[in-house]
């Protein structure tokens, strides 16, 4: 998969995660310095590594939304799981008209419709 395709997916999946609780006694500048130091420790991912990380993160979010553990999402499960873009494009993703979409269905849709499909 192309990196440009997966960057918006990684951003969406990251938004789905809850923000960590912050210590109100810790000054914002200290929090910012700690975050910057942590970012320097981990090099930025590019190319195939970024693609793999983005897909893994998207898969983990998809699996978390699949509360019935069937390997598929209904439109309602997608919406409840923070995948409004899947719910909005559900009919186009569900090419078999099964009423459920698999992770492969979603991946196929994103590959054919480009990276912007997840942000519309």
N, C-alpha and C. Protein backbone atom coordinates (compact mmCIF):
# COMPACT_ATOMS: atom_id res chain seq x y z
N UNK A 1 0.84 -1.19 0.00
CA UNK A 1 0.00 0.00 0.00
C UNK A 1 0.88 1.24 0.00
N UNK A 2 0.36 2.27 -0.52
CA UNK A 2 1.13 3.50 -0.57
C UNK A 2 1.04 4.23 0.75
N UNK A 3 2.13 4.90 1.08
CA UNK A 3 2.21 5.66 2.33
C UNK A 3 1.13 6.73 2.38
N UNK A 4 0.88 7.40 1.26
CA UNK A 4 -0.12 8.46 1.24
C UNK A 4 -1.51 7.93 1.55
N UNK A 5 -1.75 6.68 1.23
CA UNK A 5 -3.04 6.06 1.51
C UNK A 5 -3.22 5.80 3.00
N UNK A 6 -2.15 5.45 3.67
CA UNK A 6 -2.27 5.04 5.06
C UNK A 6 -2.12 6.15 6.09
N UNK A 7 -1.53 7.26 5.70
CA UNK A 7 -1.37 8.35 6.67
C UNK A 7 -2.70 8.81 7.25
N UNK A 8 -3.74 9.06 6.43
CA UNK A 8 -5.03 9.47 7.02
C UNK A 8 -5.63 8.37 7.89
N UNK A 9 -5.38 7.12 7.55
CA UNK A 9 -5.91 6.02 8.36
C UNK A 9 -5.26 6.00 9.73
N UNK A 10 -3.97 6.21 9.75
CA UNK A 10 -3.27 6.26 11.02
C UNK A 10 -3.78 7.42 11.86
N UNK A 11 -4.03 8.55 11.23
CA UNK A 11 -4.56 9.70 11.96
C UNK A 11 -5.94 9.40 12.51
N UNK A 12 -6.79 8.75 11.72
CA UNK A 12 -8.14 8.40 12.19
C UNK A 12 -8.08 7.40 13.33
N UNK A 13 -7.24 6.41 13.19
CA UNK A 13 -7.13 5.40 14.23
C UNK A 13 -6.58 6.02 15.51
N UNK A 14 -5.66 6.95 15.39
CA UNK A 14 -5.10 7.63 16.55
C UNK A 14 -6.17 8.47 17.24
N UNK A 15 -7.03 9.11 16.46
CA UNK A 15 -8.11 9.90 17.05
C UNK A 15 -9.09 9.03 17.81
N UNK A 16 -9.22 7.77 17.39
CA UNK A 16 -10.15 6.87 18.05
C UNK A 16 -9.66 6.48 19.45
N UNK A 17 -8.35 6.56 19.68
CA UNK A 17 -7.81 6.22 21.00
C UNK A 17 -8.11 7.33 21.99
N UNK A 18 -8.35 6.94 23.23
CA UNK A 18 -8.61 7.94 24.27
C UNK A 18 -7.31 8.65 24.63
N UNK A 19 -7.40 9.92 24.89
CA UNK A 19 -6.24 10.70 25.29
C UNK A 19 -5.84 10.31 26.71
N UNK A 20 -4.55 10.23 26.97
CA UNK A 20 -4.12 9.87 28.32
C UNK A 20 -4.48 10.97 29.31
N UNK A 21 -4.69 10.58 30.54
CA UNK A 21 -4.98 11.55 31.59
C UNK A 21 -3.70 12.31 31.92
N UNK A 22 -3.85 13.58 32.15
CA UNK A 22 -2.69 14.42 32.46
C UNK A 22 -2.69 14.77 33.94
N UNK A 23 -1.50 14.95 34.46
CA UNK A 23 -1.32 15.34 35.85
C UNK A 23 -1.49 16.86 35.92
N UNK A 24 -2.54 17.36 36.59
CA UNK A 24 -2.77 18.80 36.62
C UNK A 24 -1.65 19.56 37.35
N UNK A 25 -0.85 18.87 38.15
CA UNK A 25 0.23 19.53 38.87
C UNK A 25 1.47 19.69 38.00
N UNK A 26 1.50 19.02 36.87
CA UNK A 26 2.67 19.08 35.99
C UNK A 26 2.49 20.24 35.00
N UNK A 27 3.44 21.15 34.94
CA UNK A 27 3.32 22.29 34.03
C UNK A 27 3.28 21.83 32.58
N UNK A 28 2.48 22.50 31.75
CA UNK A 28 2.39 22.14 30.33
C UNK A 28 3.76 22.13 29.63
N UNK A 29 4.65 23.03 30.02
CA UNK A 29 5.97 23.06 29.38
C UNK A 29 6.75 21.78 29.67
N UNK A 30 6.59 21.23 30.87
CA UNK A 30 7.27 19.98 31.21
C UNK A 30 6.70 18.82 30.40
N UNK A 31 5.39 18.83 30.21
CA UNK A 31 4.74 17.80 29.40
C UNK A 31 5.25 17.88 27.97
N UNK A 32 5.34 19.09 27.45
CA UNK A 32 5.80 19.29 26.08
C UNK A 32 7.25 18.84 25.92
N UNK A 33 8.11 19.17 26.86
CA UNK A 33 9.52 18.75 26.79
C UNK A 33 9.64 17.23 26.82
N UNK A 34 8.85 16.58 27.67
CA UNK A 34 8.89 15.11 27.75
C UNK A 34 8.43 14.48 26.44
N UNK A 35 7.40 15.04 25.83
CA UNK A 35 6.90 14.51 24.56
C UNK A 35 7.95 14.69 23.46
N UNK A 36 8.60 15.84 23.44
CA UNK A 36 9.64 16.09 22.44
C UNK A 36 10.81 15.13 22.62
N UNK A 37 11.19 14.88 23.85
CA UNK A 37 12.29 13.95 24.12
C UNK A 37 11.92 12.55 23.65
N UNK A 38 10.70 12.14 23.90
CA UNK A 38 10.25 10.81 23.48
C UNK A 38 10.23 10.71 21.95
N UNK A 39 9.82 11.76 21.28
CA UNK A 39 9.80 11.76 19.81
C UNK A 39 11.21 11.66 19.23
N UNK A 40 12.20 12.23 19.92
CA UNK A 40 13.57 12.15 19.43
C UNK A 40 14.13 10.74 19.58
N UNK A 41 13.67 10.01 20.58
CA UNK A 41 14.15 8.66 20.82
C UNK A 41 13.70 7.72 19.71
N UNK A 42 12.48 7.88 19.25
CA UNK A 42 11.91 6.99 18.23
C UNK A 42 12.01 7.67 16.87
N UNK A 43 12.76 7.07 15.95
CA UNK A 43 12.87 7.69 14.62
C UNK A 43 11.54 7.63 13.88
N UNK A 44 11.33 8.59 13.01
CA UNK A 44 10.10 8.63 12.22
C UNK A 44 10.07 7.45 11.27
N UNK A 45 8.91 6.84 11.14
CA UNK A 45 8.74 5.72 10.22
C UNK A 45 8.48 6.25 8.82
N UNK A 46 8.99 5.54 7.83
CA UNK A 46 8.77 5.90 6.43
C UNK A 46 8.58 4.63 5.61
N UNK A 47 8.04 4.80 4.40
CA UNK A 47 7.93 3.71 3.45
C UNK A 47 7.14 2.52 3.96
N UNK A 48 7.69 1.35 3.74
CA UNK A 48 7.01 0.10 4.10
C UNK A 48 6.78 -0.01 5.60
N UNK A 49 7.70 0.52 6.40
CA UNK A 49 7.53 0.48 7.85
C UNK A 49 6.31 1.30 8.26
N UNK A 50 6.16 2.48 7.69
CA UNK A 50 5.01 3.32 8.00
C UNK A 50 3.72 2.65 7.55
N UNK A 51 3.74 2.07 6.35
CA UNK A 51 2.56 1.35 5.85
C UNK A 51 2.16 0.24 6.81
N UNK A 52 3.13 -0.53 7.24
CA UNK A 52 2.86 -1.65 8.14
C UNK A 52 2.31 -1.18 9.49
N UNK A 53 2.91 -0.12 10.04
CA UNK A 53 2.44 0.42 11.31
C UNK A 53 1.02 0.96 11.20
N UNK A 54 0.75 1.68 10.12
CA UNK A 54 -0.58 2.26 9.92
C UNK A 54 -1.62 1.15 9.77
N UNK A 55 -1.30 0.13 8.99
CA UNK A 55 -2.24 -0.97 8.80
C UNK A 55 -2.47 -1.72 10.10
N UNK A 56 -1.41 -1.95 10.88
CA UNK A 56 -1.55 -2.63 12.17
C UNK A 56 -2.43 -1.83 13.12
N UNK A 57 -2.25 -0.52 13.13
CA UNK A 57 -3.04 0.34 14.01
C UNK A 57 -4.51 0.35 13.57
N UNK A 58 -4.72 0.43 12.25
CA UNK A 58 -6.08 0.39 11.73
C UNK A 58 -6.74 -0.95 12.04
N UNK A 59 -5.98 -2.03 11.89
CA UNK A 59 -6.52 -3.37 12.17
C UNK A 59 -6.90 -3.49 13.65
N UNK A 60 -6.06 -2.99 14.53
CA UNK A 60 -6.36 -3.06 15.96
C UNK A 60 -7.63 -2.27 16.28
N UNK A 61 -7.80 -1.11 15.67
CA UNK A 61 -9.01 -0.32 15.89
C UNK A 61 -10.24 -1.02 15.32
N UNK A 62 -10.09 -1.64 14.15
CA UNK A 62 -11.19 -2.39 13.53
C UNK A 62 -11.60 -3.54 14.45
N UNK A 63 -10.60 -4.28 14.94
CA UNK A 63 -10.89 -5.41 15.84
C UNK A 63 -11.55 -4.95 17.13
N UNK A 64 -11.15 -3.80 17.64
CA UNK A 64 -11.77 -3.27 18.86
C UNK A 64 -13.22 -2.89 18.62
N UNK A 65 -13.52 -2.40 17.42
CA UNK A 65 -14.91 -2.04 17.08
C UNK A 65 -15.78 -3.28 16.87
N UNK A 66 -15.13 -4.40 16.54
CA UNK A 66 -15.84 -5.67 16.31
C UNK A 66 -16.11 -6.33 17.66
N UNK A 67 -17.08 -5.81 18.37
CA UNK A 67 -17.36 -6.28 19.74
C UNK A 67 -17.91 -7.70 19.77
N UNK A 68 -18.50 -8.18 18.67
CA UNK A 68 -19.02 -9.54 18.61
C UNK A 68 -17.95 -10.54 18.17
N UNK A 69 -16.77 -10.06 17.82
CA UNK A 69 -15.62 -10.88 17.41
C UNK A 69 -15.96 -11.81 16.25
N UNK A 70 -16.63 -11.25 15.24
CA UNK A 70 -16.97 -12.02 14.03
C UNK A 70 -16.00 -11.78 12.89
N UNK A 71 -15.15 -10.78 13.04
CA UNK A 71 -14.23 -10.44 11.96
C UNK A 71 -14.84 -9.50 10.95
N UNK A 72 -16.04 -9.01 11.24
CA UNK A 72 -16.73 -8.08 10.36
C UNK A 72 -17.43 -7.03 11.19
N UNK A 73 -17.80 -5.93 10.53
CA UNK A 73 -18.54 -4.86 11.19
C UNK A 73 -19.83 -4.60 10.43
N UNK A 74 -20.89 -4.38 11.18
CA UNK A 74 -22.12 -3.88 10.57
C UNK A 74 -21.98 -2.36 10.50
N UNK A 75 -22.91 -1.71 9.84
CA UNK A 75 -22.88 -0.24 9.77
C UNK A 75 -22.96 0.35 11.18
N UNK A 76 -23.83 -0.21 12.02
CA UNK A 76 -24.00 0.30 13.39
C UNK A 76 -22.74 0.09 14.22
N UNK A 77 -22.09 -1.07 14.08
CA UNK A 77 -20.86 -1.34 14.83
C UNK A 77 -19.75 -0.39 14.37
N UNK A 78 -19.69 -0.13 13.08
CA UNK A 78 -18.68 0.80 12.57
C UNK A 78 -18.89 2.18 13.17
N UNK A 79 -20.12 2.64 13.18
CA UNK A 79 -20.44 3.96 13.74
C UNK A 79 -20.11 4.01 15.23
N UNK A 80 -20.54 2.99 15.96
CA UNK A 80 -20.30 2.95 17.40
C UNK A 80 -18.82 2.81 17.73
N UNK A 81 -18.06 2.18 16.84
CA UNK A 81 -16.64 1.97 17.08
C UNK A 81 -15.75 3.11 16.63
N UNK A 82 -16.35 4.22 16.21
CA UNK A 82 -15.56 5.38 15.81
C UNK A 82 -15.17 5.40 14.35
N UNK A 83 -15.77 4.52 13.54
CA UNK A 83 -15.49 4.47 12.11
C UNK A 83 -16.65 5.06 11.33
N UNK A 84 -16.91 6.34 11.55
CA UNK A 84 -17.99 7.01 10.84
C UNK A 84 -17.78 6.99 9.34
N UNK A 85 -16.53 7.04 8.90
CA UNK A 85 -16.27 7.02 7.46
C UNK A 85 -16.64 5.67 6.86
N UNK A 86 -16.51 4.56 7.62
CA UNK A 86 -16.97 3.26 7.12
C UNK A 86 -18.49 3.28 7.04
N UNK A 87 -19.13 3.77 8.07
CA UNK A 87 -20.59 3.84 8.06
C UNK A 87 -21.09 4.72 6.91
N UNK A 88 -20.42 5.83 6.67
CA UNK A 88 -20.83 6.75 5.59
C UNK A 88 -20.65 6.15 4.20
N UNK A 89 -19.68 5.26 4.03
CA UNK A 89 -19.39 4.65 2.74
C UNK A 89 -19.71 3.15 2.75
N UNK A 90 -20.57 2.75 3.67
CA UNK A 90 -20.82 1.33 3.90
C UNK A 90 -21.30 0.61 2.64
N UNK A 91 -22.22 1.18 1.92
CA UNK A 91 -22.75 0.52 0.73
C UNK A 91 -21.68 0.31 -0.34
N UNK A 92 -20.77 1.25 -0.47
CA UNK A 92 -19.68 1.11 -1.44
C UNK A 92 -18.65 0.09 -0.97
N UNK A 93 -18.43 -0.02 0.32
CA UNK A 93 -17.47 -0.99 0.86
C UNK A 93 -18.05 -2.40 0.83
N UNK A 94 -19.33 -2.52 1.13
CA UNK A 94 -20.02 -3.82 1.18
C UNK A 94 -20.45 -4.22 -0.23
N UNK A 95 -19.49 -4.58 -1.06
CA UNK A 95 -19.79 -4.91 -2.46
C UNK A 95 -20.59 -6.20 -2.61
N UNK A 96 -20.55 -7.05 -1.58
CA UNK A 96 -21.32 -8.31 -1.63
C UNK A 96 -22.74 -8.10 -1.09
N UNK A 97 -23.03 -6.91 -0.60
CA UNK A 97 -24.34 -6.57 -0.02
C UNK A 97 -24.73 -7.57 1.08
N UNK A 98 -23.75 -7.87 1.94
CA UNK A 98 -23.94 -8.83 3.02
C UNK A 98 -24.42 -8.16 4.31
N UNK A 99 -24.36 -6.85 4.37
CA UNK A 99 -24.74 -6.15 5.59
C UNK A 99 -23.61 -6.10 6.61
N UNK A 100 -22.44 -6.61 6.23
CA UNK A 100 -21.27 -6.61 7.10
C UNK A 100 -20.04 -6.42 6.21
N UNK A 101 -19.01 -5.78 6.75
CA UNK A 101 -17.77 -5.59 5.99
C UNK A 101 -16.60 -6.15 6.79
N UNK A 102 -15.68 -6.78 6.08
CA UNK A 102 -14.48 -7.31 6.70
C UNK A 102 -13.36 -6.28 6.60
N UNK A 103 -12.28 -6.55 7.28
CA UNK A 103 -11.12 -5.66 7.19
C UNK A 103 -10.58 -5.65 5.77
N UNK A 104 -10.60 -6.80 5.10
CA UNK A 104 -10.16 -6.86 3.70
C UNK A 104 -11.05 -6.02 2.79
N UNK A 105 -12.36 -6.00 3.07
CA UNK A 105 -13.27 -5.15 2.30
C UNK A 105 -12.88 -3.67 2.45
N UNK A 106 -12.60 -3.29 3.67
CA UNK A 106 -12.22 -1.89 3.96
C UNK A 106 -10.91 -1.56 3.27
N UNK A 107 -9.94 -2.46 3.38
CA UNK A 107 -8.64 -2.24 2.77
C UNK A 107 -8.77 -2.13 1.24
N UNK A 108 -9.58 -2.98 0.65
CA UNK A 108 -9.81 -2.96 -0.80
C UNK A 108 -10.45 -1.62 -1.22
N UNK A 109 -11.43 -1.17 -0.43
CA UNK A 109 -12.09 0.11 -0.72
C UNK A 109 -11.08 1.26 -0.68
N UNK A 110 -10.26 1.29 0.35
CA UNK A 110 -9.29 2.36 0.48
C UNK A 110 -8.26 2.34 -0.64
N UNK A 111 -7.89 1.15 -1.06
CA UNK A 111 -6.91 1.03 -2.14
C UNK A 111 -7.48 1.54 -3.46
N UNK A 112 -8.74 1.28 -3.71
CA UNK A 112 -9.33 1.71 -4.98
C UNK A 112 -9.83 3.15 -4.96
N UNK A 113 -10.13 3.68 -3.79
CA UNK A 113 -10.68 5.03 -3.70
C UNK A 113 -9.68 6.07 -3.20
N UNK A 114 -8.49 5.68 -2.89
CA UNK A 114 -7.46 6.62 -2.48
C UNK A 114 -7.53 7.00 -1.01
N UNK A 115 -6.51 7.69 -0.57
CA UNK A 115 -6.35 8.06 0.83
C UNK A 115 -7.44 8.98 1.32
N UNK A 116 -7.99 9.82 0.45
CA UNK A 116 -8.99 10.78 0.88
C UNK A 116 -10.32 10.13 1.24
N UNK A 117 -10.51 8.87 0.88
CA UNK A 117 -11.77 8.18 1.15
C UNK A 117 -12.05 8.10 2.65
N UNK A 118 -11.01 7.97 3.45
CA UNK A 118 -11.19 7.84 4.90
C UNK A 118 -11.45 9.15 5.59
N UNK A 119 -11.23 10.25 4.90
CA UNK A 119 -11.41 11.55 5.55
C UNK A 119 -12.67 12.26 5.09
N UNK A 120 -13.41 11.66 4.20
CA UNK A 120 -14.66 12.28 3.70
C UNK A 120 -15.84 11.79 4.49
